[in-house]
Amino acid sequence: MKKLVPDPPPVLCVGPGLSHDQALRKAVEHLKQAIEYASSLTDLKNEQNELTLNYALLDMRISKALLAIALAASPVTIPI
């Protein structure tokens, strides 16, 4: 049977108490992975390539949230 909802990536770790440095490091990891996913796409008509693109988009969104934490002027964590 086909799985309808994919498992979250194992590196998903945005939560309370995440420091600015940790957020920056994780953002770099997610952006690197997103670039690798997107770079590997050749034919978007293929179901596997569509899934790969979805993973890339998820990593980019996670990166955006991590960068918002890292770039905040206050050391207080930002609720997501």
PDB file of N, CA and C in Angstrom:
ATOM      1  N   MET A   1       0.839  -1.176   0.000  1.00  0.00           N
ATOM      2  CA  MET A   1       0.000   0.000   0.000  1.00  0.00           C
ATOM      3  C   MET A   1       0.885   1.242   0.000  1.00  0.00           C
ATOM      4  N   LYS A   2       0.491   2.234  -0.772  1.00  0.00           N
ATOM      5  CA  LYS A   2       1.247   3.477  -0.895  1.00  0.00           C
ATOM      6  C   LYS A   2       1.050   4.343   0.350  1.00  0.00           C
ATOM      7  N   LYS A   3       2.144   4.861   0.873  1.00  0.00           N
ATOM      8  CA  LYS A   3       2.102   5.725   2.046  1.00  0.00           C
ATOM      9  C   LYS A   3       1.682   7.130   1.615  1.00  0.00           C
ATOM     10  N   LEU A   4       0.661   7.685   2.268  1.00  0.00           N
ATOM     11  CA  LEU A   4       0.118   8.988   1.885  1.00  0.00           C
ATOM     12  C   LEU A   4       0.924  10.160   2.449  1.00  0.00           C
ATOM     13  N   VAL A   5       1.473  10.008   3.649  1.00  0.00           N
ATOM     14  CA  VAL A   5       2.207  11.091   4.283  1.00  0.00           C
ATOM     15  C   VAL A   5       3.640  10.624   4.536  1.00  0.00           C
ATOM     16  N   PRO A   6       4.640  11.318   3.982  1.00  0.00           N
ATOM     17  CA  PRO A   6       6.027  10.890   4.197  1.00  0.00           C
ATOM     18  C   PRO A   6       6.475  11.144   5.628  1.00  0.00           C
ATOM     19  N   ASP A   7       7.449  10.362   6.080  1.00  0.00           N
ATOM     20  CA  ASP A   7       8.039  10.578   7.392  1.00  0.00           C
ATOM     21  C   ASP A   7       8.810  11.895   7.369  1.00  0.00           C
ATOM     22  N   PRO A   8       8.831  12.611   8.510  1.00  0.00           N
ATOM     23  CA  PRO A   8       9.612  13.853   8.540  1.00  0.00           C
ATOM     24  C   PRO A   8      11.104  13.526   8.451  1.00  0.00           C
ATOM     25  N   PRO A   9      11.891  14.454   7.934  1.00  0.00           N
ATOM     26  CA  PRO A   9      13.329  14.205   7.874  1.00  0.00           C
ATOM     27  C   PRO A   9      13.894  14.028   9.277  1.00  0.00           C
ATOM     28  N   PRO A  10      14.887  13.161   9.457  1.00  0.00           N
ATOM     29  CA  PRO A  10      15.415  12.910  10.796  1.00  0.00           C
ATOM     30  C   PRO A  10      16.136  14.107  11.402  1.00  0.00           C
ATOM     31  N   VAL A  11      16.489  15.104  10.601  1.00  0.00           N
ATOM     32  CA  VAL A  11      17.211  16.259  11.121  1.00  0.00           C
ATOM     33  C   VAL A  11      16.283  17.397  11.532  1.00  0.00           C
ATOM     34  N   LEU A  12      14.973  17.171  11.515  1.00  0.00           N
ATOM     35  CA  LEU A  12      14.025  18.206  11.906  1.00  0.00           C
ATOM     36  C   LEU A  12      14.151  18.445  13.410  1.00  0.00           C
ATOM     37  N   CYS A  13      14.599  19.617  13.794  1.00  0.00           N
ATOM     38  CA  CYS A  13      14.867  19.870  15.216  1.00  0.00           C
ATOM     39  C   CYS A  13      14.609  21.320  15.596  1.00  0.00           C
ATOM     40  N   VAL A  14      13.569  21.916  15.088  1.00  0.00           N
ATOM     41  CA  VAL A  14      13.227  23.285  15.442  1.00  0.00           C
ATOM     42  C   VAL A  14      12.324  23.221  16.664  1.00  0.00           C
ATOM     43  N   GLY A  15      12.766  23.834  17.737  1.00  0.00           N
ATOM     44  CA  GLY A  15      11.963  23.795  18.947  1.00  0.00           C
ATOM     45  C   GLY A  15      12.448  24.805  19.961  1.00  0.00           C
ATOM     46  N   PRO A  16      11.781  24.852  21.116  1.00  0.00           N
ATOM     47  CA  PRO A  16      12.154  25.801  22.158  1.00  0.00           C
ATOM     48  C   PRO A  16      13.584  25.568  22.633  1.00  0.00           C
ATOM     49  N   GLY A  17      14.280  26.648  22.933  1.00  0.00           N
ATOM     50  CA  GLY A  17      15.619  26.548  23.475  1.00  0.00           C
ATOM     51  C   GLY A  17      16.729  26.421  22.447  1.00  0.00           C
ATOM     52  N   LEU A  18      16.408  26.484  21.188  1.00  0.00           N
ATOM     53  CA  LEU A  18      17.415  26.381  20.138  1.00  0.00           C
ATOM     54  C   LEU A  18      18.231  27.670  20.112  1.00  0.00           C
ATOM     55  N   SER A  19      19.558  27.554  20.251  1.00  0.00           N
ATOM     56  CA  SER A  19      20.399  28.750  20.283  1.00  0.00           C
ATOM     57  C   SER A  19      20.601  29.307  18.877  1.00  0.00           C
ATOM     58  N   HIS A  20      21.100  30.541  18.821  1.00  0.00           N
ATOM     59  CA  HIS A  20      21.374  31.172  17.533  1.00  0.00           C
ATOM     60  C   HIS A  20      22.412  30.363  16.747  1.00  0.00           C
ATOM     61  N   ASP A  21      23.472  29.944  17.415  1.00  0.00           N
ATOM     62  CA  ASP A  21      24.510  29.173  16.735  1.00  0.00           C
ATOM     63  C   ASP A  21      23.983  27.839  16.216  1.00  0.00           C
ATOM     64  N   GLN A  22      23.196  27.158  17.029  1.00  0.00           N
ATOM     65  CA  GLN A  22      22.605  25.886  16.599  1.00  0.00           C
ATOM     66  C   GLN A  22      21.683  26.104  15.404  1.00  0.00           C
ATOM     67  N   ALA A  23      20.895  27.166  15.461  1.00  0.00           N
ATOM     68  CA  ALA A  23      19.970  27.453  14.365  1.00  0.00           C
ATOM     69  C   ALA A  23      20.727  27.728  13.070  1.00  0.00           C
ATOM     70  N   LEU A  24      21.819  28.488  13.156  1.00  0.00           N
ATOM     71  CA  LEU A  24      22.612  28.770  11.962  1.00  0.00           C
ATOM     72  C   LEU A  24      23.213  27.496  11.379  1.00  0.00           C
ATOM     73  N   ARG A  25      23.763  26.652  12.245  1.00  0.00           N
ATOM     74  CA  ARG A  25      24.352  25.393  11.763  1.00  0.00           C
ATOM     75  C   ARG A  25      23.305  24.510  11.100  1.00  0.00           C
ATOM     76  N   LYS A  26      22.142  24.394  11.733  1.00  0.00           N
ATOM     77  CA  LYS A  26      21.065  23.568  11.164  1.00  0.00           C
ATOM     78  C   LYS A  26      20.554  24.165   9.859  1.00  0.00           C
ATOM     79  N   ALA A  27      20.468  25.496   9.792  1.00  0.00           N
ATOM     80  CA  ALA A  27      20.010  26.142   8.558  1.00  0.00           C
ATOM     81  C   ALA A  27      20.963  25.831   7.411  1.00  0.00           C
ATOM     82  N   VAL A  28      22.256  25.880   7.681  1.00  0.00           N
ATOM     83  CA  VAL A  28      23.237  25.556   6.648  1.00  0.00           C
ATOM     84  C   VAL A  28      23.063  24.113   6.192  1.00  0.00           C
ATOM     85  N   GLU A  29      22.860  23.184   7.137  1.00  0.00           N
ATOM     86  CA  GLU A  29      22.661  21.776   6.788  1.00  0.00           C
ATOM     87  C   GLU A  29      21.419  21.599   5.901  1.00  0.00           C
ATOM     88  N   HIS A  30      20.318  22.231   6.298  1.00  0.00           N
ATOM     89  CA  HIS A  30      19.077  22.099   5.534  1.00  0.00           C
ATOM     90  C   HIS A  30      19.193  22.723   4.148  1.00  0.00           C
ATOM     91  N   LEU A  31      19.819  23.883   4.052  1.00  0.00           N
ATOM     92  CA  LEU A  31      19.983  24.511   2.744  1.00  0.00           C
ATOM     93  C   LEU A  31      20.886  23.677   1.838  1.00  0.00           C
ATOM     94  N   LYS A  32      21.943  23.113   2.395  1.00  0.00           N
ATOM     95  CA  LYS A  32      22.830  22.245   1.613  1.00  0.00           C
ATOM     96  C   LYS A  32      22.050  21.050   1.079  1.00  0.00           C
ATOM     97  N   GLN A  33      21.240  20.435   1.942  1.00  0.00           N
ATOM     98  CA  GLN A  33      20.445  19.283   1.519  1.00  0.00           C
ATOM     99  C   GLN A  33      19.409  19.692   0.471  1.00  0.00           C
ATOM    100  N   ALA A  34      18.781  20.839   0.652  1.00  0.00           N
ATOM    101  CA  ALA A  34      17.784  21.311  -0.307  1.00  0.00           C
ATOM    102  C   ALA A  34      18.414  21.540  -1.676  1.00  0.00           C
ATOM    103  N   ILE A  35      19.600  22.114  -1.675  1.00  0.00           N
ATOM    104  CA  ILE A  35      20.292  22.350  -2.944  1.00  0.00           C
ATOM    105  C   ILE A  35      20.627  21.026  -3.619  1.00  0.00           C
ATOM    106  N   GLU A  36      21.081  20.044  -2.835  1.00  0.00           N
ATOM    107  CA  GLU A  36      21.392  18.729  -3.402  1.00  0.00           C
ATOM    108  C   GLU A  36      20.139  18.071  -3.976  1.00  0.00           C
ATOM    109  N   TYR A  37      19.023  18.141  -3.243  1.00  0.00           N
ATOM    110  CA  TYR A  37      17.764  17.572  -3.742  1.00  0.00           C
ATOM    111  C   TYR A  37      17.356  18.236  -5.057  1.00  0.00           C
ATOM    112  N   ALA A  38      17.328  19.563  -5.045  1.00  0.00           N
ATOM    113  CA  ALA A  38      16.871  20.291  -6.225  1.00  0.00           C
ATOM    114  C   ALA A  38      17.811  20.084  -7.412  1.00  0.00           C
ATOM    115  N   SER A  39      19.108  19.987  -7.144  1.00  0.00           N
ATOM    116  CA  SER A  39      20.084  19.790  -8.217  1.00  0.00           C
ATOM    117  C   SER A  39      19.964  18.424  -8.876  1.00  0.00           C
ATOM    118  N   SER A  40      19.428  17.459  -8.143  1.00  0.00           N
ATOM    119  CA  SER A  40      19.335  16.102  -8.687  1.00  0.00           C
ATOM    120  C   SER A  40      18.116  15.900  -9.585  1.00  0.00           C
ATOM    121  N   LEU A  41      17.240  16.890  -9.660  1.00  0.00           N
ATOM    122  CA  LEU A  41      16.014  16.736 -10.454  1.00  0.00           C
ATOM    123  C   LEU A  41      16.306  16.883 -11.949  1.00  0.00           C
ATOM    124  N   THR A  42      15.754  15.954 -12.722  1.00  0.00           N
ATOM    125  CA  THR A  42      15.902  16.036 -14.173  1.00  0.00           C
ATOM    126  C   THR A  42      14.556  15.993 -14.886  1.00  0.00           C
ATOM    127  N   ASP A  43      13.602  15.242 -14.327  1.00  0.00           N
ATOM    128  CA  ASP A  43      12.306  15.071 -14.978  1.00  0.00           C
ATOM    129  C   ASP A  43      11.207  15.154 -13.932  1.00  0.00           C
ATOM    130  N   LEU A  44      10.510  16.284 -13.863  1.00  0.00           N
ATOM    131  CA  LEU A  44       9.495  16.472 -12.829  1.00  0.00           C
ATOM    132  C   LEU A  44       8.213  15.685 -13.086  1.00  0.00           C
ATOM    133  N   LYS A  45       8.111  15.037 -14.238  1.00  0.00           N
ATOM    134  CA  LYS A  45       6.944  14.209 -14.512  1.00  0.00           C
ATOM    135  C   LYS A  45       7.033  12.880 -13.763  1.00  0.00           C
ATOM    136  N   ASN A  46       8.219  12.546 -13.296  1.00  0.00           N
ATOM    137  CA  ASN A  46       8.461  11.327 -12.553  1.00  0.00           C
ATOM    138  C   ASN A  46       8.003  11.516 -11.107  1.00  0.00           C
ATOM    139  N   GLU A  47       7.266  10.533 -10.553  1.00  0.00           N
ATOM    140  CA  GLU A  47       6.737  10.641  -9.188  1.00  0.00           C
ATOM    141  C   GLU A  47       7.862  10.764  -8.154  1.00  0.00           C
ATOM    142  N   GLN A  48       8.969  10.052  -8.354  1.00  0.00           N
ATOM    143  CA  GLN A  48      10.094  10.137  -7.421  1.00  0.00           C
ATOM    144  C   GLN A  48      10.711  11.534  -7.447  1.00  0.00           C
ATOM    145  N   ASN A  49      10.796  12.141  -8.623  1.00  0.00           N
ATOM    146  CA  ASN A  49      11.339  13.502  -8.706  1.00  0.00           C
ATOM    147  C   ASN A  49      10.421  14.511  -8.029  1.00  0.00           C
ATOM    148  N   GLU A  50       9.128  14.293  -8.123  1.00  0.00           N
ATOM    149  CA  GLU A  50       8.180  15.181  -7.437  1.00  0.00           C
ATOM    150  C   GLU A  50       8.355  15.069  -5.923  1.00  0.00           C
ATOM    151  N   LEU A  51       8.565  13.857  -5.421  1.00  0.00           N
ATOM    152  CA  LEU A  51       8.807  13.645  -3.997  1.00  0.00           C
ATOM    153  C   LEU A  51      10.110  14.327  -3.580  1.00  0.00           C
ATOM    154  N   THR A  52      11.137  14.212  -4.414  1.00  0.00           N
ATOM    155  CA  THR A  52      12.419  14.860  -4.140  1.00  0.00           C
ATOM    156  C   THR A  52      12.248  16.371  -4.052  1.00  0.00           C
ATOM    157  N   LEU A  53      11.485  16.944  -4.952  1.00  0.00           N
ATOM    158  CA  LEU A  53      11.222  18.378  -4.926  1.00  0.00           C
ATOM    159  C   LEU A  53      10.489  18.764  -3.634  1.00  0.00           C
ATOM    160  N   ASN A  54       9.529  17.956  -3.211  1.00  0.00           N
ATOM    161  CA  ASN A  54       8.808  18.233  -1.970  1.00  0.00           C
ATOM    162  C   ASN A  54       9.752  18.233  -0.774  1.00  0.00           C
ATOM    163  N   TYR A  55      10.693  17.285  -0.748  1.00  0.00           N
ATOM    164  CA  TYR A  55      11.686  17.265   0.328  1.00  0.00           C
ATOM    165  C   TYR A  55      12.556  18.517   0.285  1.00  0.00           C
ATOM    166  N   ALA A  56      12.942  18.948  -0.902  1.00  0.00           N
ATOM    167  CA  ALA A  56      13.754  20.165  -1.039  1.00  0.00           C
ATOM    168  C   ALA A  56      12.988  21.375  -0.514  1.00  0.00           C
ATOM    169  N   LEU A  57      11.723  21.472  -0.859  1.00  0.00           N
ATOM    170  CA  LEU A  57      10.912  22.594  -0.384  1.00  0.00           C
ATOM    171  C   LEU A  57      10.760  22.568   1.132  1.00  0.00           C
ATOM    172  N   LEU A  58      10.588  21.387   1.713  1.00  0.00           N
ATOM    173  CA  LEU A  58      10.495  21.257   3.162  1.00  0.00           C
ATOM    174  C   LEU A  58      11.786  21.730   3.818  1.00  0.00           C
ATOM    175  N   ASP A  59      12.939  21.304   3.297  1.00  0.00           N
ATOM    176  CA  ASP A  59      14.215  21.742   3.854  1.00  0.00           C
ATOM    177  C   ASP A  59      14.381  23.246   3.746  1.00  0.00           C
ATOM    178  N   MET A  60      13.918  23.850   2.665  1.00  0.00           N
ATOM    179  CA  MET A  60      14.024  25.299   2.506  1.00  0.00           C
ATOM    180  C   MET A  60      13.147  26.024   3.527  1.00  0.00           C
ATOM    181  N   ARG A  61      11.956  25.494   3.794  1.00  0.00           N
ATOM    182  CA  ARG A  61      11.067  26.113   4.792  1.00  0.00           C
ATOM    183  C   ARG A  61      11.655  25.993   6.195  1.00  0.00           C
ATOM    184  N   ILE A  62      12.242  24.830   6.505  1.00  0.00           N
ATOM    185  CA  ILE A  62      12.882  24.645   7.801  1.00  0.00           C
ATOM    186  C   ILE A  62      14.037  25.634   7.936  1.00  0.00           C
ATOM    187  N   SER A  63      14.801  25.793   6.869  1.00  0.00           N
ATOM    188  CA  SER A  63      15.925  26.726   6.882  1.00  0.00           C
ATOM    189  C   SER A  63      15.458  28.153   7.137  1.00  0.00           C
ATOM    190  N   LYS A  64      14.362  28.523   6.528  1.00  0.00           N
ATOM    191  CA  LYS A  64      13.821  29.871   6.719  1.00  0.00           C
ATOM    192  C   LYS A  64      13.463  30.097   8.189  1.00  0.00           C
ATOM    193  N   ALA A  65      12.850  29.118   8.828  1.00  0.00           N
ATOM    194  CA  ALA A  65      12.487  29.234  10.245  1.00  0.00           C
ATOM    195  C   ALA A  65      13.737  29.308  11.116  1.00  0.00           C
ATOM    196  N   LEU A  66      14.734  28.489  10.821  1.00  0.00           N
ATOM    197  CA  LEU A  66      15.971  28.505  11.596  1.00  0.00           C
ATOM    198  C   LEU A  66      16.704  29.835  11.442  1.00  0.00           C
ATOM    199  N   LEU A  67      16.718  30.371  10.243  1.00  0.00           N
ATOM    200  CA  LEU A  67      17.376  31.656  10.027  1.00  0.00           C
ATOM    201  C   LEU A  67      16.634  32.789  10.722  1.00  0.00           C
ATOM    202  N   ALA A  68      15.317  32.711  10.800  1.00  0.00           N
ATOM    203  CA  ALA A  68      14.549  33.724  11.532  1.00  0.00           C
ATOM    204  C   ALA A  68      14.954  33.723  12.999  1.00  0.00           C
ATOM    205  N   ILE A  69      15.184  32.541  13.564  1.00  0.00           N
ATOM    206  CA  ILE A  69      15.637  32.447  14.954  1.00  0.00           C
ATOM    207  C   ILE A  69      17.040  33.026  15.077  1.00  0.00           C
ATOM    208  N   ALA A  70      17.918  32.628  14.165  1.00  0.00           N
ATOM    209  CA  ALA A  70      19.316  33.048  14.237  1.00  0.00           C
ATOM    210  C   ALA A  70      19.490  34.551  14.041  1.00  0.00           C
ATOM    211  N   LEU A  71      18.649  35.150  13.243  1.00  0.00           N
ATOM    212  CA  LEU A  71      18.783  36.568  12.934  1.00  0.00           C
ATOM    213  C   LEU A  71      17.998  37.479  13.874  1.00  0.00           C
ATOM    214  N   ALA A  72      17.255  36.895  14.803  1.00  0.00           N
ATOM    215  CA  ALA A  72      16.480  37.699  15.756  1.00  0.00           C
ATOM    216  C   ALA A  72      17.431  38.505  16.635  1.00  0.00           C
ATOM    217  N   ALA A  73      17.053  39.716  16.936  1.00  0.00           N
ATOM    218  CA  ALA A  73      17.895  40.580  17.758  1.00  0.00           C
ATOM    219  C   ALA A  73      17.955  40.116  19.208  1.00  0.00           C
ATOM    220  N   SER A  74      16.924  39.445  19.659  1.00  0.00           N
ATOM    221  CA  SER A  74      16.834  38.993  21.036  1.00  0.00           C
ATOM    222  C   SER A  74      17.288  37.540  21.161  1.00  0.00           C
ATOM    223  N   PRO A  75      17.896  37.164  22.300  1.00  0.00           N
ATOM    224  CA  PRO A  75      18.287  35.779  22.500  1.00  0.00           C
ATOM    225  C   PRO A  75      17.088  34.870  22.830  1.00  0.00           C
ATOM    226  N   VAL A  76      15.904  35.465  22.953  1.00  0.00           N
ATOM    227  CA  VAL A  76      14.709  34.692  23.237  1.00  0.00           C
ATOM    228  C   VAL A  76      14.327  33.899  21.994  1.00  0.00           C
ATOM    229  N   THR A  77      13.928  32.628  22.194  1.00  0.00           N
ATOM    230  CA  THR A  77      13.560  31.801  21.054  1.00  0.00           C
ATOM    231  C   THR A  77      12.234  32.290  20.460  1.00  0.00           C
ATOM    232  N   ILE A  78      12.066  32.067  19.168  1.00  0.00           N
ATOM    233  CA  ILE A  78      10.878  32.484  18.445  1.00  0.00           C
ATOM    234  C   ILE A  78       9.946  31.286  18.316  1.00  0.00           C
ATOM    235  N   PRO A  79       8.697  31.403  18.749  1.00  0.00           N
ATOM    236  CA  PRO A  79       7.764  30.289  18.587  1.00  0.00           C
ATOM    237  C   PRO A  79       7.446  30.077  17.114  1.00  0.00           C
ATOM    238  N   ILE A  80       7.366  28.830  16.718  1.00  0.00           N
ATOM    239  CA  ILE A  80       7.116  28.515  15.308  1.00  0.00           C
ATOM    240  C   ILE A  80       5.740  27.912  15.161  1.00  0.00           C
TER     241      ILE A  80
END
